[in-house]
N, C-alpha and C. Protein backbone atom coordinates (compact mmCIF):
# COMPACT_ATOMS: atom_id res chain seq x y z
N MET A 1 62.80 94.93 103.06
CA MET A 1 63.32 96.23 102.70
C MET A 1 62.26 97.27 103.02
N THR A 2 62.66 98.28 103.75
CA THR A 2 61.72 99.33 104.10
C THR A 2 61.52 100.26 102.91
N GLU A 3 60.50 101.08 103.03
CA GLU A 3 60.20 102.04 101.97
C GLU A 3 61.35 103.03 101.78
N ASP A 4 61.97 103.46 102.90
CA ASP A 4 63.11 104.39 102.82
C ASP A 4 64.30 103.75 102.12
N GLN A 5 64.59 102.48 102.44
CA GLN A 5 65.71 101.78 101.81
C GLN A 5 65.46 101.64 100.31
N PHE A 6 64.22 101.30 99.96
CA PHE A 6 63.87 101.16 98.56
C PHE A 6 64.08 102.48 97.82
N PHE A 7 63.58 103.57 98.42
CA PHE A 7 63.73 104.89 97.80
C PHE A 7 65.21 105.25 97.64
N ASN A 8 66.03 105.01 98.67
CA ASN A 8 67.46 105.33 98.60
C ASN A 8 68.16 104.51 97.52
N ASP A 9 67.84 103.22 97.42
CA ASP A 9 68.42 102.37 96.38
C ASP A 9 68.01 102.84 94.99
N LEU A 10 66.76 103.20 94.85
CA LEU A 10 66.26 103.68 93.57
C LEU A 10 66.93 105.00 93.19
N GLN A 11 67.06 105.90 94.15
CA GLN A 11 67.71 107.18 93.89
C GLN A 11 69.17 106.98 93.51
N ARG A 12 69.87 106.11 94.22
CA ARG A 12 71.28 105.83 93.92
C ARG A 12 71.41 105.25 92.51
N SER A 13 70.52 104.34 92.17
CA SER A 13 70.56 103.72 90.83
C SER A 13 70.32 104.75 89.74
N LEU A 14 69.37 105.64 89.97
CA LEU A 14 69.09 106.67 88.97
C LEU A 14 70.27 107.63 88.82
N ASN A 15 70.89 108.00 89.93
CA ASN A 15 72.08 108.86 89.86
C ASN A 15 73.21 108.17 89.10
N GLN A 16 73.39 106.88 89.30
CA GLN A 16 74.41 106.13 88.58
C GLN A 16 74.10 106.11 87.08
N ALA A 17 72.82 105.94 86.75
CA ALA A 17 72.42 105.92 85.34
C ALA A 17 72.67 107.28 84.69
N ILE A 18 72.39 108.35 85.41
CA ILE A 18 72.63 109.70 84.89
C ILE A 18 74.13 109.92 84.69
N ASP A 19 74.94 109.53 85.68
CA ASP A 19 76.41 109.66 85.56
C ASP A 19 76.93 108.87 84.36
N HIS A 20 76.40 107.66 84.19
CA HIS A 20 76.82 106.82 83.06
C HIS A 20 76.48 107.49 81.74
N ALA A 21 75.28 108.05 81.65
CA ALA A 21 74.85 108.72 80.42
C ALA A 21 75.72 109.93 80.12
N LYS A 22 76.26 110.56 81.17
CA LYS A 22 77.13 111.73 80.99
C LYS A 22 78.58 111.32 80.75
N GLY A 23 78.85 110.01 80.78
CA GLY A 23 80.20 109.53 80.53
C GLY A 23 81.10 109.54 81.75
N LYS A 24 80.52 109.73 82.91
CA LYS A 24 81.31 109.72 84.14
C LYS A 24 81.55 108.29 84.57
N PRO A 25 82.78 107.98 85.03
CA PRO A 25 83.06 106.62 85.50
C PRO A 25 82.25 106.31 86.76
N SER A 26 81.79 105.09 86.83
CA SER A 26 80.99 104.66 87.98
C SER A 26 81.91 104.28 89.13
N LYS A 27 81.63 104.84 90.28
CA LYS A 27 82.43 104.51 91.46
C LYS A 27 82.12 103.11 91.97
N THR A 28 80.95 102.60 91.65
CA THR A 28 80.58 101.28 92.14
C THR A 28 81.18 100.16 91.30
N ARG A 29 81.69 100.49 90.13
CA ARG A 29 82.22 99.46 89.25
C ARG A 29 83.73 99.41 89.22
N THR A 30 84.36 100.25 89.99
CA THR A 30 85.82 100.23 90.03
C THR A 30 86.28 100.00 91.45
N LYS A 31 87.47 99.49 91.58
CA LYS A 31 88.05 99.31 92.89
C LYS A 31 89.54 99.54 92.81
N THR A 32 90.11 99.87 93.92
CA THR A 32 91.54 100.09 93.98
C THR A 32 92.23 98.77 94.26
N VAL A 33 93.20 98.45 93.43
CA VAL A 33 93.93 97.20 93.58
C VAL A 33 95.42 97.48 93.47
N GLU A 34 96.20 96.57 93.98
CA GLU A 34 97.65 96.64 93.79
C GLU A 34 98.02 95.60 92.74
N ILE A 35 98.77 96.02 91.75
CA ILE A 35 99.20 95.14 90.67
C ILE A 35 100.65 94.77 90.91
N LYS A 36 100.92 93.49 90.94
CA LYS A 36 102.27 92.99 91.14
C LYS A 36 103.15 93.41 89.95
N GLU A 37 104.38 93.76 90.24
CA GLU A 37 105.31 94.10 89.17
C GLU A 37 105.51 92.92 88.23
N LEU A 38 105.82 93.23 86.98
CA LEU A 38 106.08 92.17 86.01
C LEU A 38 107.33 91.40 86.41
N ALA A 39 107.25 90.10 86.25
CA ALA A 39 108.40 89.25 86.54
C ALA A 39 109.39 89.35 85.38
N ASN A 40 110.66 89.21 85.69
CA ASN A 40 111.70 89.16 84.66
C ASN A 40 112.01 87.69 84.38
N PHE A 41 112.00 87.33 83.12
CA PHE A 41 112.28 85.96 82.73
C PHE A 41 113.59 85.92 81.98
N THR A 42 114.48 85.03 82.41
CA THR A 42 115.73 84.83 81.69
C THR A 42 115.46 83.88 80.53
N ALA A 43 116.43 83.80 79.65
CA ALA A 43 116.33 82.87 78.52
C ALA A 43 116.12 81.45 79.03
N GLU A 44 116.87 81.09 80.07
CA GLU A 44 116.77 79.74 80.65
C GLU A 44 115.40 79.51 81.28
N ASP A 45 114.84 80.53 81.95
CA ASP A 45 113.50 80.42 82.55
C ASP A 45 112.46 80.07 81.49
N ILE A 46 112.54 80.75 80.38
CA ILE A 46 111.55 80.55 79.31
C ILE A 46 111.69 79.16 78.70
N LYS A 47 112.92 78.77 78.43
CA LYS A 47 113.14 77.45 77.84
C LYS A 47 112.71 76.35 78.81
N THR A 48 113.03 76.53 80.08
CA THR A 48 112.65 75.53 81.10
C THR A 48 111.13 75.40 81.17
N LEU A 49 110.42 76.53 81.17
CA LEU A 49 108.96 76.49 81.21
C LEU A 49 108.40 75.77 79.99
N ARG A 50 108.92 76.12 78.82
CA ARG A 50 108.44 75.47 77.59
C ARG A 50 108.66 73.97 77.64
N LEU A 51 109.83 73.56 78.09
CA LEU A 51 110.13 72.12 78.16
C LEU A 51 109.30 71.42 79.23
N GLN A 52 109.06 72.09 80.34
CA GLN A 52 108.20 71.51 81.38
C GLN A 52 106.78 71.29 80.85
N MET A 53 106.35 72.18 79.98
CA MET A 53 105.02 72.06 79.39
C MET A 53 105.03 71.08 78.22
N GLN A 54 106.22 70.55 77.88
CA GLN A 54 106.41 69.59 76.80
C GLN A 54 105.92 70.15 75.45
N LEU A 55 106.30 71.40 75.18
CA LEU A 55 105.90 72.05 73.94
C LEU A 55 107.11 72.35 73.07
N THR A 56 106.90 72.27 71.77
CA THR A 56 107.93 72.70 70.83
C THR A 56 107.93 74.22 70.82
N GLN A 57 108.96 74.81 70.23
CA GLN A 57 108.97 76.26 70.11
C GLN A 57 107.78 76.75 69.29
N LYS A 58 107.42 76.00 68.27
CA LYS A 58 106.28 76.37 67.43
C LYS A 58 104.98 76.37 68.23
N SER A 59 104.75 75.32 69.02
CA SER A 59 103.53 75.24 69.83
C SER A 59 103.52 76.31 70.92
N PHE A 60 104.68 76.52 71.54
CA PHE A 60 104.78 77.52 72.59
C PHE A 60 104.51 78.91 72.03
N ALA A 61 105.03 79.18 70.84
CA ALA A 61 104.78 80.47 70.18
C ALA A 61 103.28 80.66 69.92
N ALA A 62 102.62 79.60 69.44
CA ALA A 62 101.18 79.69 69.19
C ALA A 62 100.42 79.94 70.49
N LEU A 63 100.81 79.26 71.56
CA LEU A 63 100.18 79.45 72.86
C LEU A 63 100.35 80.90 73.32
N MET A 64 101.54 81.44 73.16
CA MET A 64 101.83 82.79 73.61
C MET A 64 101.28 83.88 72.68
N GLY A 65 100.93 83.48 71.46
CA GLY A 65 100.43 84.46 70.49
C GLY A 65 101.54 85.29 69.88
N VAL A 66 102.72 84.67 69.75
CA VAL A 66 103.88 85.36 69.17
C VAL A 66 104.46 84.49 68.06
N SER A 67 105.44 85.02 67.37
CA SER A 67 106.08 84.26 66.31
C SER A 67 107.11 83.29 66.90
N ILE A 68 107.46 82.29 66.10
CA ILE A 68 108.51 81.35 66.52
C ILE A 68 109.82 82.12 66.71
N LYS A 69 110.06 83.10 65.86
CA LYS A 69 111.28 83.92 65.97
C LYS A 69 111.34 84.60 67.34
N SER A 70 110.21 85.03 67.86
CA SER A 70 110.19 85.66 69.19
C SER A 70 110.63 84.68 70.26
N VAL A 71 110.06 83.47 70.22
CA VAL A 71 110.43 82.46 71.21
C VAL A 71 111.91 82.11 71.08
N GLU A 72 112.38 81.96 69.85
CA GLU A 72 113.80 81.67 69.64
C GLU A 72 114.68 82.76 70.24
N SER A 73 114.32 84.02 70.01
CA SER A 73 115.15 85.12 70.51
C SER A 73 115.05 85.24 72.04
N TRP A 74 113.89 84.91 72.61
CA TRP A 74 113.76 84.90 74.07
C TRP A 74 114.69 83.84 74.66
N GLU A 75 114.69 82.66 74.04
CA GLU A 75 115.49 81.55 74.56
C GLU A 75 116.99 81.75 74.33
N ARG A 76 117.36 82.57 73.36
CA ARG A 76 118.76 82.91 73.15
C ARG A 76 119.18 84.09 74.04
N GLY A 77 118.19 84.81 74.55
CA GLY A 77 118.48 85.97 75.38
C GLY A 77 118.75 87.23 74.59
N THR A 78 118.49 87.20 73.28
CA THR A 78 118.73 88.39 72.45
C THR A 78 117.54 89.35 72.48
N ASN A 79 116.42 88.87 72.96
CA ASN A 79 115.22 89.70 73.08
C ASN A 79 114.50 89.26 74.34
N HIS A 80 113.59 90.11 74.84
CA HIS A 80 112.87 89.80 76.06
C HIS A 80 111.37 89.95 75.82
N PRO A 81 110.56 89.17 76.52
CA PRO A 81 109.11 89.26 76.34
C PRO A 81 108.58 90.64 76.70
N SER A 82 107.53 91.04 75.99
CA SER A 82 106.85 92.31 76.29
C SER A 82 106.09 92.18 77.61
N GLY A 83 105.47 93.24 78.02
CA GLY A 83 104.72 93.24 79.27
C GLY A 83 103.64 92.18 79.32
N SER A 84 102.80 92.12 78.29
CA SER A 84 101.71 91.15 78.30
C SER A 84 102.24 89.72 78.19
N ALA A 85 103.29 89.53 77.42
CA ALA A 85 103.89 88.19 77.31
C ALA A 85 104.51 87.78 78.65
N SER A 86 105.14 88.73 79.33
CA SER A 86 105.71 88.43 80.65
C SER A 86 104.63 88.04 81.64
N ARG A 87 103.50 88.74 81.59
CA ARG A 87 102.40 88.42 82.50
C ARG A 87 101.87 87.01 82.22
N LEU A 88 101.72 86.67 80.94
CA LEU A 88 101.25 85.33 80.58
C LEU A 88 102.28 84.28 80.98
N LEU A 89 103.56 84.56 80.79
CA LEU A 89 104.60 83.61 81.22
C LEU A 89 104.52 83.37 82.72
N GLU A 90 104.26 84.43 83.48
CA GLU A 90 104.15 84.29 84.92
C GLU A 90 102.97 83.40 85.31
N ILE A 91 101.86 83.60 84.63
CA ILE A 91 100.67 82.76 84.89
C ILE A 91 100.98 81.31 84.55
N LEU A 92 101.61 81.08 83.41
CA LEU A 92 101.94 79.72 83.00
C LEU A 92 102.97 79.08 83.93
N ARG A 93 103.92 79.87 84.43
CA ARG A 93 104.90 79.33 85.36
C ARG A 93 104.22 78.91 86.67
N ASN A 94 103.27 79.71 87.13
CA ASN A 94 102.58 79.41 88.38
C ASN A 94 101.55 78.31 88.24
N GLU A 95 100.91 78.25 87.07
CA GLU A 95 99.87 77.25 86.84
C GLU A 95 99.94 76.75 85.39
N PRO A 96 100.92 75.89 85.09
CA PRO A 96 101.08 75.45 83.70
C PRO A 96 99.88 74.71 83.14
N GLN A 97 99.05 74.17 84.00
CA GLN A 97 97.87 73.43 83.54
C GLN A 97 96.75 74.35 83.05
N VAL A 98 96.87 75.65 83.29
CA VAL A 98 95.81 76.57 82.93
C VAL A 98 95.52 76.58 81.42
N ALA A 99 96.53 76.36 80.62
CA ALA A 99 96.32 76.34 79.16
C ALA A 99 95.42 75.18 78.74
N GLU A 100 95.58 74.05 79.40
CA GLU A 100 94.71 72.91 79.11
C GLU A 100 93.34 73.11 79.73
N GLN A 101 93.29 73.62 80.96
CA GLN A 101 92.01 73.84 81.63
C GLN A 101 91.13 74.82 80.85
N GLN A 102 91.75 75.82 80.24
CA GLN A 102 91.01 76.80 79.46
C GLN A 102 90.81 76.36 78.01
N GLU A 103 91.26 75.15 77.72
CA GLU A 103 91.13 74.55 76.39
C GLU A 103 91.82 75.38 75.31
N ILE A 104 92.93 76.03 75.72
CA ILE A 104 93.75 76.75 74.76
C ILE A 104 94.61 75.77 73.99
N ILE A 105 95.05 74.73 74.72
CA ILE A 105 95.77 73.63 74.08
C ILE A 105 95.06 72.34 74.47
N SER A 106 95.15 71.35 73.62
CA SER A 106 94.59 70.05 73.95
C SER A 106 95.65 68.99 73.70
N VAL A 107 95.62 67.99 74.53
CA VAL A 107 96.63 66.93 74.44
C VAL A 107 96.00 65.66 73.96
């Protein structure tokens, strides 16, 4: 690293520290991304996923962080998962083993 490169890196770091102290968002810590739309899950989709994972409604509710009543109403089609629940359902549908890999559930 040349002396000029070192000085430029040091100056950039100091400017970032000053911006941070002033509460300005750091441009180096954010990036532009595209977020996929939330998937829509039917009552049958949810029940099929739960059964594929070999979970009771009670266990599935605990995994999802919702009440058993929520899972029951999702599976009856009288209610639908919220945004965060839909995102988690999508992750579980794509990679059902993730709950075990992350040690959220143990068999």
